[in-house]
Amino acid sequence: MRFSMSGRPRGLALIILIAASCLALPLCLTSTPSYALSEIQREDLPSPVTPPATGESAAPGATVPMPQAPGTKPSDQPADDTDKSEPETPANGGITSPRADPDAPPPAVVYDLDTLPEPVKRMHGLIIEACRTGDIEKLRSLIGKGDSMTQLSLGDSDGDPITFLKSLSGDGDGQEILAILEEVLSAGYVHVDTGTPQELYVWPYFFALPLDKLDPRQRVELFKLVTASDYDDMKQFGAYIFYRVGITPTGQWLFFVAGD
């Protein structure tokens, strides 16, 4: 039996076409999903942010501000410069400071030593007696030492108290300061802060009186201690700031100081 050769090329071409189609089909099935996945990933993921180079300004809103460290103030809020600390107490404040208050009724001025409590009267007499000896060493036992030592300065006065008093005396041996101390204790006194832990008997009474309200007799008493020029200076200051003595109700010689 004979076969016609005219049909072979056509059949061979069909076989080749079918085979090529079969080979191409897996490639199509494989490449199409991969392409779609890459496209989905590229669309869903955010674009990376490239930080600006040093010295370049980023566009507004392009960067996210870093959180502040705990306890720090936000940078967009003004700093609070208000000083909330407690006001400082004056270095020379306290019971040794002049107590003249022009708006308060003046305390009673007393000259009678017999009205003093016995411990106060005794200490007052011992100081006067020591002053009249002319020997400043006689004050040492009355001044005491340690926490109960008499305050002799509004500032620091380290060292021997008698040596310090001599340094205040114009003569160098302490007689002038003894004369001042006796004169101060010979003036009238005032009883201040009655019934409080700060209760004191203070000489001279000018400590607690406004100087511009002194009568002529009181000014004569003041001029036994200070000059007219000192008086004018103290009026400008507003209080008596020459030497004064304070004794507690228990008889402790608390201070002998001058200044403001």
Protein backbone atom coordinates (compact mmCIF):
# COMPACT_ATOMS: atom_id res chain seq x y z
CA MET A 1 0.00 0.00 0.00
CA ARG A 2 1.27 3.40 -0.85
CA PHE A 3 1.04 6.55 1.25
CA SER A 4 0.76 9.96 -0.15
CA MET A 5 3.84 12.08 0.73
CA SER A 6 1.92 15.27 0.27
CA GLY A 7 0.33 15.05 3.73
CA ARG A 8 3.52 14.52 5.82
CA PRO A 9 4.74 18.04 6.08
CA ARG A 10 1.35 19.27 7.14
CA GLY A 11 1.05 16.58 9.84
CA LEU A 12 4.59 17.19 11.07
CA ALA A 13 3.98 20.91 11.36
CA LEU A 14 0.84 20.24 13.39
CA ILE A 15 2.73 17.95 15.74
CA ILE A 16 5.46 20.55 16.24
CA LEU A 17 2.87 23.27 16.90
CA ILE A 18 1.09 21.11 19.49
CA ALA A 19 4.38 20.23 21.21
CA ALA A 20 5.44 23.89 21.36
CA SER A 21 2.09 24.84 22.82
CA CYS A 22 2.44 22.20 25.51
CA LEU A 23 5.91 23.42 26.45
CA ALA A 24 4.81 27.05 26.57
CA LEU A 25 1.80 26.35 28.81
CA PRO A 26 3.79 25.59 32.02
CA LEU A 27 5.90 28.66 31.43
CA CYS A 28 2.81 30.79 31.19
CA LEU A 29 1.31 29.26 34.29
CA THR A 30 4.54 29.76 36.20
CA SER A 31 5.44 33.31 35.18
CA THR A 32 2.06 34.91 35.49
CA PRO A 33 1.53 34.41 39.29
CA SER A 34 5.12 35.48 40.06
CA TYR A 35 4.62 38.70 38.19
CA ALA A 36 1.36 39.42 40.00
CA LEU A 37 2.93 38.76 43.48
CA SER A 38 5.81 41.08 42.80
CA GLU A 39 3.39 43.76 41.78
CA ILE A 40 1.29 43.29 44.95
CA GLN A 41 4.36 43.50 47.20
CA ARG A 42 5.62 46.59 45.44
CA GLU A 43 2.27 48.37 45.86
CA ASP A 44 1.55 47.43 49.52
CA LEU A 45 4.94 48.18 51.08
CA PRO A 46 5.70 51.88 51.92
CA SER A 47 8.52 53.57 50.15
CA PRO A 48 11.68 53.80 52.24
CA VAL A 49 12.38 57.27 53.65
CA THR A 50 15.83 58.54 52.89
CA PRO A 51 17.09 60.86 55.65
CA PRO A 52 18.21 64.28 54.44
CA ALA A 53 21.91 64.83 54.11
CA THR A 54 23.69 66.78 56.82
CA GLY A 55 22.94 70.50 56.56
CA GLU A 56 19.84 69.94 54.42
CA SER A 57 16.41 70.87 55.72
CA ALA A 58 13.71 68.26 55.48
CA ALA A 59 10.36 69.22 54.05
CA PRO A 60 7.65 69.93 56.64
CA GLY A 61 5.95 66.71 57.71
CA ALA A 62 8.57 64.51 56.04
CA THR A 63 10.05 63.26 59.31
CA VAL A 64 8.51 62.02 62.54
CA PRO A 65 9.81 63.77 65.70
CA MET A 66 11.59 61.53 68.19
CA PRO A 67 9.90 61.18 71.61
CA GLN A 68 11.35 63.24 74.45
CA ALA A 69 13.29 61.52 77.19
CA PRO A 70 11.26 60.94 80.39
CA GLY A 71 11.21 63.99 82.66
CA THR A 72 12.22 66.52 79.99
CA LYS A 73 10.13 69.46 78.87
CA PRO A 74 8.67 69.36 75.33
CA SER A 75 10.82 71.42 73.00
CA ASP A 76 7.81 73.33 71.68
CA GLN A 77 6.91 74.65 75.13
CA PRO A 78 8.69 77.67 76.64
CA ALA A 79 10.93 76.90 79.58
CA ASP A 80 9.55 77.90 82.95
CA ASP A 81 12.15 80.25 84.40
CA THR A 82 10.07 81.04 87.47
CA ASP A 83 12.11 80.57 90.61
CA LYS A 84 9.95 78.42 92.85
CA SER A 85 12.51 78.19 95.62
CA GLU A 86 11.67 79.55 99.01
CA PRO A 87 12.81 83.09 99.66
CA GLU A 88 16.13 83.21 101.50
CA THR A 89 16.14 84.24 105.14
CA PRO A 90 18.26 87.36 105.70
CA ALA A 91 21.68 86.35 106.99
CA ASN A 92 21.47 88.82 109.90
CA GLY A 93 17.82 88.21 110.67
CA GLY A 94 16.35 86.80 113.83
CA ILE A 95 16.09 87.99 117.40
CA THR A 96 19.17 90.22 117.25
CA SER A 97 17.72 92.45 114.52
CA PRO A 98 16.13 95.83 115.29
CA ARG A 99 12.43 95.45 116.02
CA ALA A 100 11.14 98.99 115.47
CA ASP A 101 7.72 98.79 113.82
CA PRO A 102 6.17 102.22 113.07
CA ASP A 103 2.73 100.68 112.64
CA ALA A 104 2.69 98.74 115.92
CA PRO A 105 2.18 100.27 119.37
CA PRO A 106 5.58 100.67 121.02
CA PRO A 107 6.36 98.36 123.93
CA ALA A 108 6.58 99.78 127.43
CA VAL A 109 9.96 101.21 128.39
CA VAL A 110 11.02 99.95 131.83
CA TYR A 111 13.78 101.25 134.11
CA ASP A 112 12.95 99.40 137.33
CA LEU A 113 15.27 96.39 137.55
CA ASP A 114 13.22 94.93 140.39
CA THR A 115 10.49 94.05 137.89
CA LEU A 116 12.87 91.67 136.09
CA PRO A 117 12.66 87.92 136.68
CA GLU A 118 15.33 86.92 139.18
CA PRO A 119 17.55 85.03 136.63
CA VAL A 120 17.51 88.06 134.30
CA LYS A 121 18.21 90.49 137.14
CA ARG A 122 21.14 88.35 138.34
CA MET A 123 22.79 88.15 134.90
CA HIS A 124 22.29 91.88 134.37
CA GLY A 125 24.04 92.60 137.69
CA LEU A 126 26.93 90.24 136.97
CA ILE A 127 27.64 91.89 133.60
CA ILE A 128 27.55 95.38 135.14
CA GLU A 129 29.90 94.26 137.91
CA ALA A 130 32.37 92.80 135.41
CA CYS A 131 32.34 95.98 133.33
CA ARG A 132 33.15 98.16 136.33
CA THR A 133 36.28 96.14 137.14
CA GLY A 134 37.89 97.32 133.91
CA ASP A 135 39.09 93.74 133.29
CA ILE A 136 37.45 92.32 130.19
CA GLU A 137 38.49 88.81 131.23
CA LYS A 138 35.76 89.01 133.86
CA LEU A 139 33.24 88.55 131.05
CA ARG A 140 34.59 85.17 129.98
CA SER A 141 32.58 83.04 132.40
CA LEU A 142 29.42 85.02 131.61
CA ILE A 143 29.83 84.64 127.84
CA GLY A 144 30.13 80.89 128.19
CA LYS A 145 31.09 78.56 125.37
CA GLY A 146 29.68 76.07 122.90
CA ASP A 147 26.06 76.29 121.80
CA SER A 148 25.13 78.49 124.76
CA MET A 149 27.89 81.05 124.12
CA THR A 150 26.81 84.68 123.86
CA GLN A 151 26.51 85.90 120.27
CA LEU A 152 29.00 88.71 119.79
CA SER A 153 28.69 89.33 116.06
CA LEU A 154 26.05 89.20 113.35
CA GLY A 155 28.60 87.42 111.19
CA ASP A 156 31.16 84.73 111.90
CA SER A 157 33.35 85.36 114.92
CA ASP A 158 35.46 82.24 115.30
CA GLY A 159 38.20 82.20 117.86
CA ASP A 160 38.48 83.45 121.40
CA PRO A 161 35.53 85.70 122.38
CA ILE A 162 37.59 87.98 124.65
CA THR A 163 40.14 88.53 121.90
CA PHE A 164 37.28 89.38 119.55
CA LEU A 165 35.84 91.94 122.00
CA LYS A 166 39.26 93.53 122.39
CA SER A 167 39.43 93.89 118.61
CA LEU A 168 36.19 95.90 118.75
CA SER A 169 37.51 98.21 121.44
CA GLY A 170 39.23 101.41 120.31
CA ASP A 171 41.84 101.18 123.06
CA GLY A 172 42.84 97.61 122.28
CA ASP A 173 42.53 96.38 125.88
CA GLY A 174 38.75 96.26 126.00
CA GLN A 175 37.99 99.17 128.32
CA GLU A 176 36.03 101.07 125.69
CA ILE A 177 33.82 98.09 124.88
CA LEU A 178 33.26 97.56 128.61
CA ALA A 179 32.12 101.20 128.94
CA ILE A 180 29.72 100.76 126.01
CA LEU A 181 28.33 97.53 127.48
CA GLU A 182 27.74 99.16 130.88
CA GLU A 183 26.08 102.20 129.30
CA VAL A 184 23.79 99.98 127.24
CA LEU A 185 22.70 98.05 130.35
CA SER A 186 22.12 101.31 132.25
CA ALA A 187 19.44 102.44 129.81
CA GLY A 188 15.80 101.42 129.99
CA TYR A 189 14.80 98.04 128.57
CA VAL A 190 11.88 96.43 126.76
CA HIS A 191 10.23 93.06 127.22
CA VAL A 192 9.50 91.59 123.78
CA ASP A 193 7.76 88.48 122.41
CA THR A 194 6.16 87.72 125.74
CA GLY A 195 4.94 84.14 126.09
CA THR A 196 6.80 82.87 123.00
CA PRO A 197 10.04 80.88 122.62
CA GLN A 198 11.66 84.18 121.46
CA GLU A 199 10.78 86.02 124.68
CA LEU A 200 13.55 88.45 125.59
CA TYR A 201 14.58 91.39 127.74
CA VAL A 202 16.52 93.80 125.55
CA TRP A 203 18.68 96.84 126.37
CA PRO A 204 18.52 99.63 125.31
CA TYR A 205 14.84 100.18 124.64
CA PHE A 206 15.68 102.00 121.37
CA PHE A 207 15.91 98.48 119.92
CA ALA A 208 12.11 98.37 119.69
CA LEU A 209 11.11 102.02 119.21
CA PRO A 210 10.93 104.04 115.97
CA LEU A 211 13.70 106.61 116.25
CA ASP A 212 11.65 109.40 114.66
CA LYS A 213 9.13 109.09 117.49
CA LEU A 214 11.58 109.58 120.36
CA ASP A 215 10.77 112.52 122.61
CA PRO A 216 13.48 115.04 123.65
CA ARG A 217 14.24 113.22 126.89
CA GLN A 218 14.68 109.92 125.07
CA ARG A 219 16.97 111.52 122.50
CA VAL A 220 19.22 112.75 125.34
CA GLU A 221 19.43 109.14 126.55
CA LEU A 222 20.24 107.99 123.02
CA PHE A 223 23.06 110.56 122.67
CA LYS A 224 24.79 108.91 125.63
CA LEU A 225 25.38 105.99 123.27
CA VAL A 226 25.67 107.50 119.79
CA THR A 227 26.51 110.82 118.16
CA ALA A 228 24.04 113.08 116.38
CA SER A 229 25.54 111.97 113.08
CA ASP A 230 24.96 108.31 114.02
CA TYR A 231 21.40 109.22 114.95
CA ASP A 232 20.77 110.73 111.51
CA ASP A 233 22.20 107.66 109.80
CA MET A 234 20.03 105.34 111.86
CA LYS A 235 16.91 107.39 111.11
CA GLN A 236 17.59 106.89 107.41
CA PHE A 237 18.03 103.16 108.03
CA GLY A 238 14.83 103.12 110.05
CA ALA A 239 15.99 101.53 113.30
CA TYR A 240 18.53 101.59 116.11
CA ILE A 241 21.53 99.53 115.01
CA PHE A 242 24.13 100.29 117.69
CA TYR A 243 25.06 97.82 120.44
CA ARG A 244 22.26 95.96 122.19
CA VAL A 245 22.04 93.22 124.80
CA GLY A 246 19.49 90.41 125.01
CA ILE A 247 18.87 88.19 128.04
CA THR A 248 16.40 85.31 128.09
CA PRO A 249 13.87 84.83 130.93
CA THR A 250 16.07 81.99 132.20
CA GLY A 251 19.02 84.36 132.60
CA GLN A 252 21.08 83.36 129.54
CA TRP A 253 23.06 86.24 128.03
CA LEU A 254 21.96 85.67 124.48
CA PHE A 255 23.68 88.43 122.50
CA PHE A 256 25.76 91.58 122.55
CA VAL A 257 25.91 92.84 118.97
CA ALA A 258 25.87 95.93 116.79
CA GLY A 259 24.86 96.42 113.18
CA ASP A 260 21.88 95.61 110.98
